[in-house]
Amino acid sequence: MPLCLEEGLRHGGLTGGVGEMSRLSMTNSRRLQLAAEASGGTASAIRRWRNTAAAADFGQPTAAATCWRITAAPYSPLPVPGIGRPRWLVELIRCRARESAEWELEACDE
């Protein structure tokens, strides 16, 4: 997958690309970063794990400019029983020359 995403970014006709992958090595992440910088686009690598054992490599270093973690948060209750508004915890884990931060986001009604 990193190769397909890299080729798409190097094409020059795309403003960005998104790829889902289970592992992202330092070499592949660096190639994606260079392709994004050269094209002026944005590369988003989504890593999703099926179990906690597969998530063990989350802290492995990459060449990404930022590293985010998005997890589901408990629903915000609504007046109707059994229905809630979706919420997420969004964490900026790493960002070059910036501090880490976190936000709780909630879906709107509109």
PDB file of N, CA and C in Angstrom:
ATOM      1  N   MET A   1       0.797  -1.199   0.000  1.00  0.00           N
ATOM      2  CA  MET A   1       0.000   0.000   0.000  1.00  0.00           C
ATOM      3  C   MET A   1       0.839   1.263   0.000  1.00  0.00           C
ATOM      4  N   PRO A   2       1.939   1.339   0.771  1.00  0.00           N
ATOM      5  CA  PRO A   2       2.720   2.573   0.732  1.00  0.00           C
ATOM      6  C   PRO A   2       3.205   2.906  -0.672  1.00  0.00           C
ATOM      7  N   LEU A   3       3.523   1.884  -1.475  1.00  0.00           N
ATOM      8  CA  LEU A   3       3.999   2.129  -2.827  1.00  0.00           C
ATOM      9  C   LEU A   3       2.911   2.752  -3.697  1.00  0.00           C
ATOM     10  N   CYS A   4       1.682   2.263  -3.590  1.00  0.00           N
ATOM     11  CA  CYS A   4       0.565   2.831  -4.363  1.00  0.00           C
ATOM     12  C   CYS A   4       0.314   4.273  -3.954  1.00  0.00           C
ATOM     13  N   LEU A   5       0.334   4.547  -2.679  1.00  0.00           N
ATOM     14  CA  LEU A   5       0.120   5.899  -2.184  1.00  0.00           C
ATOM     15  C   LEU A   5       1.247   6.823  -2.635  1.00  0.00           C
ATOM     16  N   GLU A   6       2.460   6.320  -2.576  1.00  0.00           N
ATOM     17  CA  GLU A   6       3.618   7.104  -3.023  1.00  0.00           C
ATOM     18  C   GLU A   6       3.517   7.436  -4.509  1.00  0.00           C
ATOM     19  N   GLU A   7       3.181   6.457  -5.334  1.00  0.00           N
ATOM     20  CA  GLU A   7       3.052   6.693  -6.777  1.00  0.00           C
ATOM     21  C   GLU A   7       1.946   7.692  -7.079  1.00  0.00           C
ATOM     22  N   GLY A   8       0.831   7.589  -6.348  1.00  0.00           N
ATOM     23  CA  GLY A   8      -0.254   8.543  -6.533  1.00  0.00           C
ATOM     24  C   GLY A   8       0.175   9.962  -6.210  1.00  0.00           C
ATOM     25  N   LEU A   9       0.950  10.131  -5.153  1.00  0.00           N
ATOM     26  CA  LEU A   9       1.431  11.460  -4.780  1.00  0.00           C
ATOM     27  C   LEU A   9       2.436  11.993  -5.795  1.00  0.00           C
ATOM     28  N   ARG A  10       3.290  11.120  -6.294  1.00  0.00           N
ATOM     29  CA  ARG A  10       4.304  11.561  -7.269  1.00  0.00           C
ATOM     30  C   ARG A  10       3.697  11.884  -8.636  1.00  0.00           C
ATOM     31  N   HIS A  11       2.491  11.407  -8.884  1.00  0.00           N
ATOM     32  CA  HIS A  11       1.820  11.665 -10.161  1.00  0.00           C
ATOM     33  C   HIS A  11       1.685  13.157 -10.413  1.00  0.00           C
ATOM     34  N   GLY A  12       1.402  13.922  -9.368  1.00  0.00           N
ATOM     35  CA  GLY A  12       1.314  15.365  -9.509  1.00  0.00           C
ATOM     36  C   GLY A  12      -0.098  15.886  -9.721  1.00  0.00           C
ATOM     37  N   GLY A  13      -1.033  15.036 -10.080  1.00  0.00           N
ATOM     38  CA  GLY A  13      -2.396  15.478 -10.312  1.00  0.00           C
ATOM     39  C   GLY A  13      -3.273  15.390  -9.083  1.00  0.00           C
ATOM     40  N   LEU A  14      -2.739  14.850  -7.987  1.00  0.00           N
ATOM     41  CA  LEU A  14      -3.530  14.677  -6.763  1.00  0.00           C
ATOM     42  C   LEU A  14      -3.100  15.701  -5.713  1.00  0.00           C
ATOM     43  N   THR A  15      -4.057  16.157  -4.931  1.00  0.00           N
ATOM     44  CA  THR A  15      -3.714  17.055  -3.829  1.00  0.00           C
ATOM     45  C   THR A  15      -3.458  16.289  -2.541  1.00  0.00           C
ATOM     46  N   GLY A  16      -3.782  15.009  -2.543  1.00  0.00           N
ATOM     47  CA  GLY A  16      -3.543  14.195  -1.364  1.00  0.00           C
ATOM     48  C   GLY A  16      -3.925  12.757  -1.601  1.00  0.00           C
ATOM     49  N   GLY A  17      -3.580  11.935  -0.655  1.00  0.00           N
ATOM     50  CA  GLY A  17      -3.903  10.519  -0.755  1.00  0.00           C
ATOM     51  C   GLY A  17      -4.054   9.914   0.625  1.00  0.00           C
ATOM     52  N   VAL A  18      -4.902   8.899   0.726  1.00  0.00           N
ATOM     53  CA  VAL A  18      -5.141   8.202   1.986  1.00  0.00           C
ATOM     54  C   VAL A  18      -4.928   6.711   1.746  1.00  0.00           C
ATOM     55  N   GLY A  19      -4.192   6.081   2.616  1.00  0.00           N
ATOM     56  CA  GLY A  19      -3.957   4.651   2.508  1.00  0.00           C
ATOM     57  C   GLY A  19      -4.073   3.993   3.872  1.00  0.00           C
ATOM     58  N   GLU A  20      -4.684   2.814   3.915  1.00  0.00           N
ATOM     59  CA  GLU A  20      -4.786   2.071   5.170  1.00  0.00           C
ATOM     60  C   GLU A  20      -3.756   0.960   5.146  1.00  0.00           C
ATOM     61  N   MET A  21      -2.973   0.867   6.201  1.00  0.00           N
ATOM     62  CA  MET A  21      -1.920  -0.138   6.282  1.00  0.00           C
ATOM     63  C   MET A  21      -1.750  -0.588   7.723  1.00  0.00           C
ATOM     64  N   SER A  22      -1.311  -1.820   7.905  1.00  0.00           N
ATOM     65  CA  SER A  22      -1.132  -2.318   9.260  1.00  0.00           C
ATOM     66  C   SER A  22       0.245  -1.954   9.809  1.00  0.00           C
ATOM     67  N   ARG A  23       1.230  -1.892   8.951  1.00  0.00           N
ATOM     68  CA  ARG A  23       2.587  -1.517   9.385  1.00  0.00           C
ATOM     69  C   ARG A  23       3.141  -0.472   8.438  1.00  0.00           C
ATOM     70  N   LEU A  24       3.947   0.416   9.013  1.00  0.00           N
ATOM     71  CA  LEU A  24       4.582   1.464   8.215  1.00  0.00           C
ATOM     72  C   LEU A  24       6.011   1.621   8.713  1.00  0.00           C
ATOM     73  N   SER A  25       6.957   1.126   7.922  1.00  0.00           N
ATOM     74  CA  SER A  25       8.359   1.187   8.331  1.00  0.00           C
ATOM     75  C   SER A  25       8.891   2.609   8.185  1.00  0.00           C
ATOM     76  N   MET A  26      10.023   2.868   8.794  1.00  0.00           N
ATOM     77  CA  MET A  26      10.660   4.184   8.696  1.00  0.00           C
ATOM     78  C   MET A  26      10.996   4.502   7.242  1.00  0.00           C
ATOM     79  N   THR A  27      11.482   3.515   6.490  1.00  0.00           N
ATOM     80  CA  THR A  27      11.826   3.732   5.083  1.00  0.00           C
ATOM     81  C   THR A  27      10.595   4.108   4.269  1.00  0.00           C
ATOM     82  N   ASN A  28       9.513   3.350   4.416  1.00  0.00           N
ATOM     83  CA  ASN A  28       8.292   3.655   3.661  1.00  0.00           C
ATOM     84  C   ASN A  28       7.678   4.989   4.080  1.00  0.00           C
ATOM     85  N   SER A  29       7.713   5.287   5.368  1.00  0.00           N
ATOM     86  CA  SER A  29       7.149   6.567   5.805  1.00  0.00           C
ATOM     87  C   SER A  29       7.984   7.735   5.280  1.00  0.00           C
ATOM     88  N   ARG A  30       9.274   7.558   5.206  1.00  0.00           N
ATOM     89  CA  ARG A  30      10.146   8.617   4.662  1.00  0.00           C
ATOM     90  C   ARG A  30       9.868   8.813   3.180  1.00  0.00           C
ATOM     91  N   ARG A  31       9.681   7.741   2.441  1.00  0.00           N
ATOM     92  CA  ARG A  31       9.371   7.849   1.010  1.00  0.00           C
ATOM     93  C   ARG A  31       8.039   8.572   0.802  1.00  0.00           C
ATOM     94  N   LEU A  32       7.038   8.257   1.635  1.00  0.00           N
ATOM     95  CA  LEU A  32       5.756   8.954   1.548  1.00  0.00           C
ATOM     96  C   LEU A  32       5.904  10.431   1.883  1.00  0.00           C
ATOM     97  N   GLN A  33       6.693  10.741   2.910  1.00  0.00           N
ATOM     98  CA  GLN A  33       6.915  12.126   3.301  1.00  0.00           C
ATOM     99  C   GLN A  33       7.591  12.907   2.183  1.00  0.00           C
ATOM    100  N   LEU A  34       8.597  12.326   1.570  1.00  0.00           N
ATOM    101  CA  LEU A  34       9.292  12.998   0.462  1.00  0.00           C
ATOM    102  C   LEU A  34       8.380  13.191  -0.743  1.00  0.00           C
ATOM    103  N   ALA A  35       7.556  12.192  -1.052  1.00  0.00           N
ATOM    104  CA  ALA A  35       6.621  12.312  -2.179  1.00  0.00           C
ATOM    105  C   ALA A  35       5.591  13.402  -1.920  1.00  0.00           C
ATOM    106  N   ALA A  36       5.111  13.491  -0.681  1.00  0.00           N
ATOM    107  CA  ALA A  36       4.133  14.532  -0.332  1.00  0.00           C
ATOM    108  C   ALA A  36       4.768  15.914  -0.412  1.00  0.00           C
ATOM    109  N   GLU A  37       5.984  16.052   0.082  1.00  0.00           N
ATOM    110  CA  GLU A  37       6.667  17.341   0.018  1.00  0.00           C
ATOM    111  C   GLU A  37       6.949  17.758  -1.421  1.00  0.00           C
ATOM    112  N   ALA A  38       7.364  16.811  -2.257  1.00  0.00           N
ATOM    113  CA  ALA A  38       7.684  17.124  -3.651  1.00  0.00           C
ATOM    114  C   ALA A  38       6.444  17.542  -4.435  1.00  0.00           C
ATOM    115  N   SER A  39       5.307  16.921  -4.150  1.00  0.00           N
ATOM    116  CA  SER A  39       4.090  17.227  -4.906  1.00  0.00           C
ATOM    117  C   SER A  39       3.285  18.366  -4.289  1.00  0.00           C
ATOM    118  N   GLY A  40       3.588  18.709  -3.040  1.00  0.00           N
ATOM    119  CA  GLY A  40       2.804  19.721  -2.349  1.00  0.00           C
ATOM    120  C   GLY A  40       1.493  19.167  -1.819  1.00  0.00           C
ATOM    121  N   GLY A  41       1.335  17.854  -1.862  1.00  0.00           N
ATOM    122  CA  GLY A  41       0.108  17.204  -1.403  1.00  0.00           C
ATOM    123  C   GLY A  41       0.217  16.716   0.026  1.00  0.00           C
ATOM    124  N   THR A  42      -0.823  16.040   0.456  1.00  0.00           N
ATOM    125  CA  THR A  42      -0.887  15.492   1.807  1.00  0.00           C
ATOM    126  C   THR A  42      -1.056  13.985   1.734  1.00  0.00           C
ATOM    127  N   ALA A  43      -0.270  13.273   2.515  1.00  0.00           N
ATOM    128  CA  ALA A  43      -0.394  11.820   2.595  1.00  0.00           C
ATOM    129  C   ALA A  43      -0.900  11.463   3.984  1.00  0.00           C
ATOM    130  N   SER A  44      -1.959  10.667   4.046  1.00  0.00           N
ATOM    131  CA  SER A  44      -2.504  10.202   5.317  1.00  0.00           C
ATOM    132  C   SER A  44      -2.435   8.681   5.349  1.00  0.00           C
ATOM    133  N   ALA A  45      -1.677   8.171   6.305  1.00  0.00           N
ATOM    134  CA  ALA A  45      -1.567   6.724   6.483  1.00  0.00           C
ATOM    135  C   ALA A  45      -2.422   6.346   7.682  1.00  0.00           C
ATOM    136  N   ILE A  46      -3.459   5.577   7.442  1.00  0.00           N
ATOM    137  CA  ILE A  46      -4.357   5.152   8.509  1.00  0.00           C
ATOM    138  C   ILE A  46      -3.937   3.754   8.939  1.00  0.00           C
ATOM    139  N   ARG A  47      -3.671   3.625  10.238  1.00  0.00           N
ATOM    140  CA  ARG A  47      -3.292   2.324  10.778  1.00  0.00           C
ATOM    141  C   ARG A  47      -4.350   1.922  11.791  1.00  0.00           C
ATOM    142  N   ARG A  48      -4.994   0.804  11.528  1.00  0.00           N
ATOM    143  CA  ARG A  48      -6.054   0.299  12.391  1.00  0.00           C
ATOM    144  C   ARG A  48      -5.687  -1.113  12.799  1.00  0.00           C
ATOM    145  N   TRP A  49      -5.882  -1.417  14.079  1.00  0.00           N
ATOM    146  CA  TRP A  49      -5.507  -2.731  14.576  1.00  0.00           C
ATOM    147  C   TRP A  49      -6.731  -3.502  15.002  1.00  0.00           C
ATOM    148  N   ARG A  50      -6.685  -4.788  14.810  1.00  0.00           N
ATOM    149  CA  ARG A  50      -7.793  -5.667  15.175  1.00  0.00           C
ATOM    150  C   ARG A  50      -7.728  -6.116  16.629  1.00  0.00           C
ATOM    151  N   ASN A  51      -6.532  -6.059  17.219  1.00  0.00           N
ATOM    152  CA  ASN A  51      -6.382  -6.464  18.618  1.00  0.00           C
ATOM    153  C   ASN A  51      -5.222  -5.701  19.244  1.00  0.00           C
ATOM    154  N   THR A  52      -5.087  -5.800  20.551  1.00  0.00           N
ATOM    155  CA  THR A  52      -4.045  -5.042  21.249  1.00  0.00           C
ATOM    156  C   THR A  52      -2.639  -5.525  20.915  1.00  0.00           C
ATOM    157  N   ALA A  53      -2.484  -6.795  20.603  1.00  0.00           N
ATOM    158  CA  ALA A  53      -1.158  -7.308  20.257  1.00  0.00           C
ATOM    159  C   ALA A  53      -0.650  -6.679  18.967  1.00  0.00           C
ATOM    160  N   ALA A  54      -1.546  -6.457  18.006  1.00  0.00           N
ATOM    161  CA  ALA A  54      -1.138  -5.850  16.733  1.00  0.00           C
ATOM    162  C   ALA A  54      -0.842  -4.364  16.885  1.00  0.00           C
ATOM    163  N   ALA A  55      -1.339  -3.736  17.941  1.00  0.00           N
ATOM    164  CA  ALA A  55      -1.131  -2.302  18.153  1.00  0.00           C
ATOM    165  C   ALA A  55       0.208  -2.010  18.828  1.00  0.00           C
ATOM    166  N   ALA A  56       1.002  -3.026  19.110  1.00  0.00           N
ATOM    167  CA  ALA A  56       2.252  -2.843  19.833  1.00  0.00           C
ATOM    168  C   ALA A  56       3.247  -1.958  19.091  1.00  0.00           C
ATOM    169  N   ASP A  57       3.177  -1.871  17.769  1.00  0.00           N
ATOM    170  CA  ASP A  57       4.138  -1.061  17.016  1.00  0.00           C
ATOM    171  C   ASP A  57       3.676   0.381  16.841  1.00  0.00           C
ATOM    172  N   PHE A  58       2.627   0.813  17.585  1.00  0.00           N
ATOM    173  CA  PHE A  58       2.136   2.187  17.434  1.00  0.00           C
ATOM    174  C   PHE A  58       3.224   3.207  17.728  1.00  0.00           C
ATOM    175  N   GLY A  59       4.044   2.965  18.724  1.00  0.00           N
ATOM    176  CA  GLY A  59       5.073   3.923  19.111  1.00  0.00           C
ATOM    177  C   GLY A  59       6.323   3.895  18.254  1.00  0.00           C
ATOM    178  N   GLN A  60       6.371   3.039  17.247  1.00  0.00           N
ATOM    179  CA  GLN A  60       7.557   2.962  16.406  1.00  0.00           C
ATOM    180  C   GLN A  60       7.750   4.285  15.661  1.00  0.00           C
ATOM    181  N   PRO A  61       8.981   4.760  15.529  1.00  0.00           N
ATOM    182  CA  PRO A  61       9.215   6.041  14.867  1.00  0.00           C
ATOM    183  C   PRO A  61       8.898   5.985  13.373  1.00  0.00           C
ATOM    184  N   THR A  62       8.383   7.093  12.874  1.00  0.00           N
ATOM    185  CA  THR A  62       8.137   7.269  11.440  1.00  0.00           C
ATOM    186  C   THR A  62       8.632   8.644  11.038  1.00  0.00           C
ATOM    187  N   ALA A  63       8.661   8.911   9.755  1.00  0.00           N
ATOM    188  CA  ALA A  63       9.101  10.211   9.245  1.00  0.00           C
ATOM    189  C   ALA A  63       7.931  11.173   9.090  1.00  0.00           C
ATOM    190  N   ALA A  64       6.780  10.800   9.583  1.00  0.00           N
ATOM    191  CA  ALA A  64       5.585  11.634   9.429  1.00  0.00           C
ATOM    192  C   ALA A  64       5.756  12.976  10.139  1.00  0.00           C
ATOM    193  N   ALA A  65       5.179  14.016   9.554  1.00  0.00           N
ATOM    194  CA  ALA A  65       5.236  15.341  10.162  1.00  0.00           C
ATOM    195  C   ALA A  65       4.378  15.395  11.421  1.00  0.00           C
ATOM    196  N   THR A  66       3.265  14.675  11.412  1.00  0.00           N
ATOM    197  CA  THR A  66       2.406  14.611  12.592  1.00  0.00           C
ATOM    198  C   THR A  66       1.970  13.172  12.819  1.00  0.00           C
ATOM    199  N   CYS A  67       1.612  12.890  14.049  1.00  0.00           N
ATOM    200  CA  CYS A  67       1.094  11.580  14.410  1.00  0.00           C
ATOM    201  C   CYS A  67      -0.137  11.801  15.274  1.00  0.00           C
ATOM    202  N   TRP A  68      -1.264  11.245  14.844  1.00  0.00           N
ATOM    203  CA  TRP A  68      -2.538  11.421  15.527  1.00  0.00           C
ATOM    204  C   TRP A  68      -3.064  10.075  15.999  1.00  0.00           C
ATOM    205  N   ARG A  69      -3.848  10.100  17.082  1.00  0.00           N
ATOM    206  CA  ARG A  69      -4.567   8.911  17.517  1.00  0.00           C
ATOM    207  C   ARG A  69      -6.020   9.328  17.717  1.00  0.00           C
ATOM    208  N   ILE A  70      -6.931   8.606  17.079  1.00  0.00           N
ATOM    209  CA  ILE A  70      -8.355   8.911  17.182  1.00  0.00           C
ATOM    210  C   ILE A  70      -9.055   7.680  17.725  1.00  0.00           C
ATOM    211  N   THR A  71      -9.742   7.857  18.852  1.00  0.00           N
ATOM    212  CA  THR A  71     -10.458   6.740  19.473  1.00  0.00           C
ATOM    213  C   THR A  71     -11.896   7.157  19.762  1.00  0.00           C
ATOM    214  N   ALA A  72     -12.766   6.192  19.764  1.00  0.00           N
ATOM    215  CA  ALA A  72     -14.170   6.458  20.073  1.00  0.00           C
ATOM    216  C   ALA A  72     -14.302   6.776  21.558  1.00  0.00           C
ATOM    217  N   ALA A  73     -15.138   7.761  21.855  1.00  0.00           N
ATOM    218  CA  ALA A  73     -15.435   8.140  23.242  1.00  0.00           C
ATOM    219  C   ALA A  73     -16.888   7.760  23.532  1.00  0.00           C
ATOM    220  N   PRO A  74     -17.276   7.706  24.790  1.00  0.00           N
ATOM    221  CA  PRO A  74     -18.676   7.391  25.106  1.00  0.00           C
ATOM    222  C   PRO A  74     -19.635   8.398  24.466  1.00  0.00           C
ATOM    223  N   TYR A  75     -20.764   7.903  24.034  1.00  0.00           N
ATOM    224  CA  TYR A  75     -21.765   8.749  23.398  1.00  0.00           C
ATOM    225  C   TYR A  75     -22.268   9.806  24.375  1.00  0.00           C
ATOM    226  N   SER A  76     -22.615  10.960  23.824  1.00  0.00           N
ATOM    227  CA  SER A  76     -23.248  12.015  24.605  1.00  0.00           C
ATOM    228  C   SER A  76     -24.747  11.722  24.637  1.00  0.00           C
ATOM    229  N   PRO A  77     -25.358  11.610  25.821  1.00  0.00           N
ATOM    230  CA  PRO A  77     -26.771  11.217  25.877  1.00  0.00           C
ATOM    231  C   PRO A  77     -27.692  12.279  25.285  1.00  0.00           C
ATOM    232  N   LEU A  78     -28.744  11.814  24.655  1.00  0.00           N
ATOM    233  CA  LEU A  78     -29.798  12.675  24.110  1.00  0.00           C
ATOM    234  C   LEU A  78     -31.081  12.401  24.881  1.00  0.00           C
ATOM    235  N   PRO A  79     -32.101  13.252  24.738  1.00  0.00           N
ATOM    236  CA  PRO A  79     -33.341  13.047  25.487  1.00  0.00           C
ATOM    237  C   PRO A  79     -34.056  11.731  25.171  1.00  0.00           C
ATOM    238  N   VAL A  80     -33.737  11.113  24.053  1.00  0.00           N
ATOM    239  CA  VAL A  80     -34.380   9.857  23.665  1.00  0.00           C
ATOM    240  C   VAL A  80     -33.554   8.696  24.231  1.00  0.00           C
ATOM    241  N   PRO A  81     -34.175   7.795  24.986  1.00  0.00           N
ATOM    242  CA  PRO A  81     -33.416   6.675  25.568  1.00  0.00           C
ATOM    243  C   PRO A  81     -32.789   5.785  24.483  1.00  0.00           C
ATOM    244  N   GLY A  82     -31.548   5.384  24.717  1.00  0.00           N
ATOM    245  CA  GLY A  82     -30.867   4.467  23.811  1.00  0.00           C
ATOM    246  C   GLY A  82     -30.211   5.128  22.614  1.00  0.00           C
ATOM    247  N   ILE A  83     -30.333   6.441  22.489  1.00  0.00           N
ATOM    248  CA  ILE A  83     -29.721   7.154  21.357  1.00  0.00           C
ATOM    249  C   ILE A  83     -28.759   8.187  21.919  1.00  0.00           C
ATOM    250  N   GLY A  84     -27.603   8.284  21.307  1.00  0.00           N
ATOM    251  CA  GLY A  84     -26.611   9.253  21.753  1.00  0.00           C
ATOM    252  C   GLY A  84     -25.900   9.895  20.580  1.00  0.00           C
ATOM    253  N   ARG A  85     -25.204  10.952  20.867  1.00  0.00           N
ATOM    254  CA  ARG A  85     -24.442  11.666  19.848  1.00  0.00           C
ATOM    255  C   ARG A  85     -23.012  11.117  19.838  1.00  0.00           C
ATOM    256  N   PRO A  86     -22.493  10.693  18.674  1.00  0.00           N
ATOM    257  CA  PRO A  86     -21.138  10.127  18.614  1.00  0.00           C
ATOM    258  C   PRO A  86     -20.073  11.145  19.045  1.00  0.00           C
ATOM    259  N   ARG A  87     -19.044  10.635  19.728  1.00  0.00           N
ATOM    260  CA  ARG A  87     -17.928  11.470  20.178  1.00  0.00           C
ATOM    261  C   ARG A  87     -16.627  10.731  19.946  1.00  0.00           C
ATOM    262  N   TRP A  88     -15.536  11.502  19.791  1.00  0.00           N
ATOM    263  CA  TRP A  88     -14.214  10.939  19.575  1.00  0.00           C
ATOM    264  C   TRP A  88     -13.195  11.700  20.400  1.00  0.00           C
ATOM    265  N   LEU A  89     -12.178  11.001  20.845  1.00  0.00           N
ATOM    266  CA  LEU A  89     -11.023  11.622  21.475  1.00  0.00           C
ATOM    267  C   LEU A  89      -9.940  11.690  20.404  1.00  0.00           C
ATOM    268  N   VAL A  90      -9.524  12.898  20.054  1.00  0.00           N
ATOM    269  CA  VAL A  90      -8.516  13.124  19.019  1.00  0.00           C
ATOM    270  C   VAL A  90      -7.258  13.645  19.707  1.00  0.00           C
ATOM    271  N   GLU A  91      -6.168  12.909  19.554  1.00  0.00           N
ATOM    272  CA  GLU A  91      -4.908  13.279  20.207  1.00  0.00           C
ATOM    273  C   GLU A  91      -3.833  13.548  19.165  1.00  0.00           C
ATOM    274  N   LEU A  92      -3.196  14.687  19.275  1.00  0.00           N
ATOM    275  CA  LEU A  92      -2.018  14.995  18.471  1.00  0.00           C
ATOM    276  C   LEU A  92      -0.833  14.488  19.272  1.00  0.00           C
ATOM    277  N   ILE A  93      -0.330  13.328  18.888  1.00  0.00           N
ATOM    278  CA  ILE A  93       0.733  12.658  19.641  1.00  0.00           C
ATOM    279  C   ILE A  93       2.080  13.342  19.404  1.00  0.00           C
ATOM    280  N   ARG A  94       2.355  13.631  18.129  1.00  0.00           N
ATOM    281  CA  ARG A  94       3.652  14.227  17.785  1.00  0.00           C
ATOM    282  C   ARG A  94       3.458  15.187  16.621  1.00  0.00           C
ATOM    283  N   CYS A  95       4.112  16.342  16.725  1.00  0.00           N
ATOM    284  CA  CYS A  95       4.080  17.328  15.653  1.00  0.00           C
ATOM    285  C   CYS A  95       5.403  18.082  15.700  1.00  0.00           C
ATOM    286  N   ARG A  96       6.064  18.198  14.583  1.00  0.00           N
ATOM    287  CA  ARG A  96       7.356  18.866  14.547  1.00  0.00           C
ATOM    288  C   ARG A  96       7.235  20.305  15.040  1.00  0.00           C
ATOM    289  N   ALA A  97       8.071  20.661  15.996  1.00  0.00           N
ATOM    290  CA  ALA A  97       8.164  22.014  16.557  1.00  0.00           C
ATOM    291  C   ALA A  97       6.864  22.486  17.205  1.00  0.00           C
ATOM    292  N   ARG A  98       6.009  21.585  17.620  1.00  0.00           N
ATOM    293  CA  ARG A  98       4.754  21.941  18.293  1.00  0.00           C
ATOM    294  C   ARG A  98       4.570  21.037  19.513  1.00  0.00           C
ATOM    295  N   GLU A  99       3.647  21.448  20.370  1.00  0.00           N
ATOM    296  CA  GLU A  99       3.341  20.649  21.544  1.00  0.00           C
ATOM    297  C   GLU A  99       2.207  19.675  21.243  1.00  0.00           C
ATOM    298  N   SER A 100       2.167  18.608  21.993  1.00  0.00           N
ATOM    299  CA  SER A 100       1.064  17.655  21.875  1.00  0.00           C
ATOM    300  C   SER A 100      -0.212  18.286  22.421  1.00  0.00           C
ATOM    301  N   ALA A 101      -1.354  17.787  21.953  1.00  0.00           N
ATOM    302  CA  ALA A 101      -2.643  18.316  22.403  1.00  0.00           C
ATOM    303  C   ALA A 101      -3.693  17.230  22.230  1.00  0.00           C
ATOM    304  N   GLU A 102      -4.849  17.459  22.828  1.00  0.00           N
ATOM    305  CA  GLU A 102      -5.961  16.521  22.641  1.00  0.00           C
ATOM    306  C   GLU A 102      -7.271  17.292  22.680  1.00  0.00           C
ATOM    307  N   TRP A 103      -8.264  16.747  21.958  1.00  0.00           N
ATOM    308  CA  TRP A 103      -9.573  17.364  21.859  1.00  0.00           C
ATOM    309  C   TRP A 103     -10.626  16.284  21.948  1.00  0.00           C
ATOM    310  N   GLU A 104     -11.777  16.636  22.487  1.00  0.00           N
ATOM    311  CA  GLU A 104     -12.953  15.768  22.429  1.00  0.00           C
ATOM    312  C   GLU A 104     -13.888  16.361  21.401  1.00  0.00           C
ATOM    313  N   LEU A 105     -14.168  15.603  20.344  1.00  0.00           N
ATOM    314  CA  LEU A 105     -15.054  16.066  19.283  1.00  0.00           C
ATOM    315  C   LEU A 105     -16.401  15.364  19.393  1.00  0.00           C
ATOM    316  N   GLU A 106     -17.437  16.087  19.051  1.00  0.00           N
ATOM    317  CA  GLU A 106     -18.794  15.540  19.107  1.00  0.00           C
ATOM    318  C   GLU A 106     -19.502  15.840  17.792  1.00  0.00           C
ATOM    319  N   ALA A 107     -20.237  14.873  17.279  1.00  0.00           N
ATOM    320  CA  ALA A 107     -20.986  15.070  16.050  1.00  0.00           C
ATOM    321  C   ALA A 107     -22.099  16.087  16.291  1.00  0.00           C
ATOM    322  N   CYS A 108     -22.360  16.880  15.273  1.00  0.00           N
ATOM    323  CA  CYS A 108     -23.430  17.883  15.411  1.00  0.00           C
ATOM    324  C   CYS A 108     -24.745  17.320  14.884  1.00  0.00           C
ATOM    325  N   ASP A 109     -25.818  18.006  15.171  1.00  0.00           N
ATOM    326  CA  ASP A 109     -27.150  17.551  14.755  1.00  0.00           C
ATOM    327  C   ASP A 109     -27.467  17.885  13.304  1.00  0.00           C
ATOM    328  N   GLU A 110     -26.710  18.763  12.696  1.00  0.00           N
ATOM    329  CA  GLU A 110     -27.073  19.222  11.353  1.00  0.00           C
ATOM    330  C   GLU A 110     -26.441  18.383  10.282  1.00  0.00           C
TER     331      GLU A 110
END
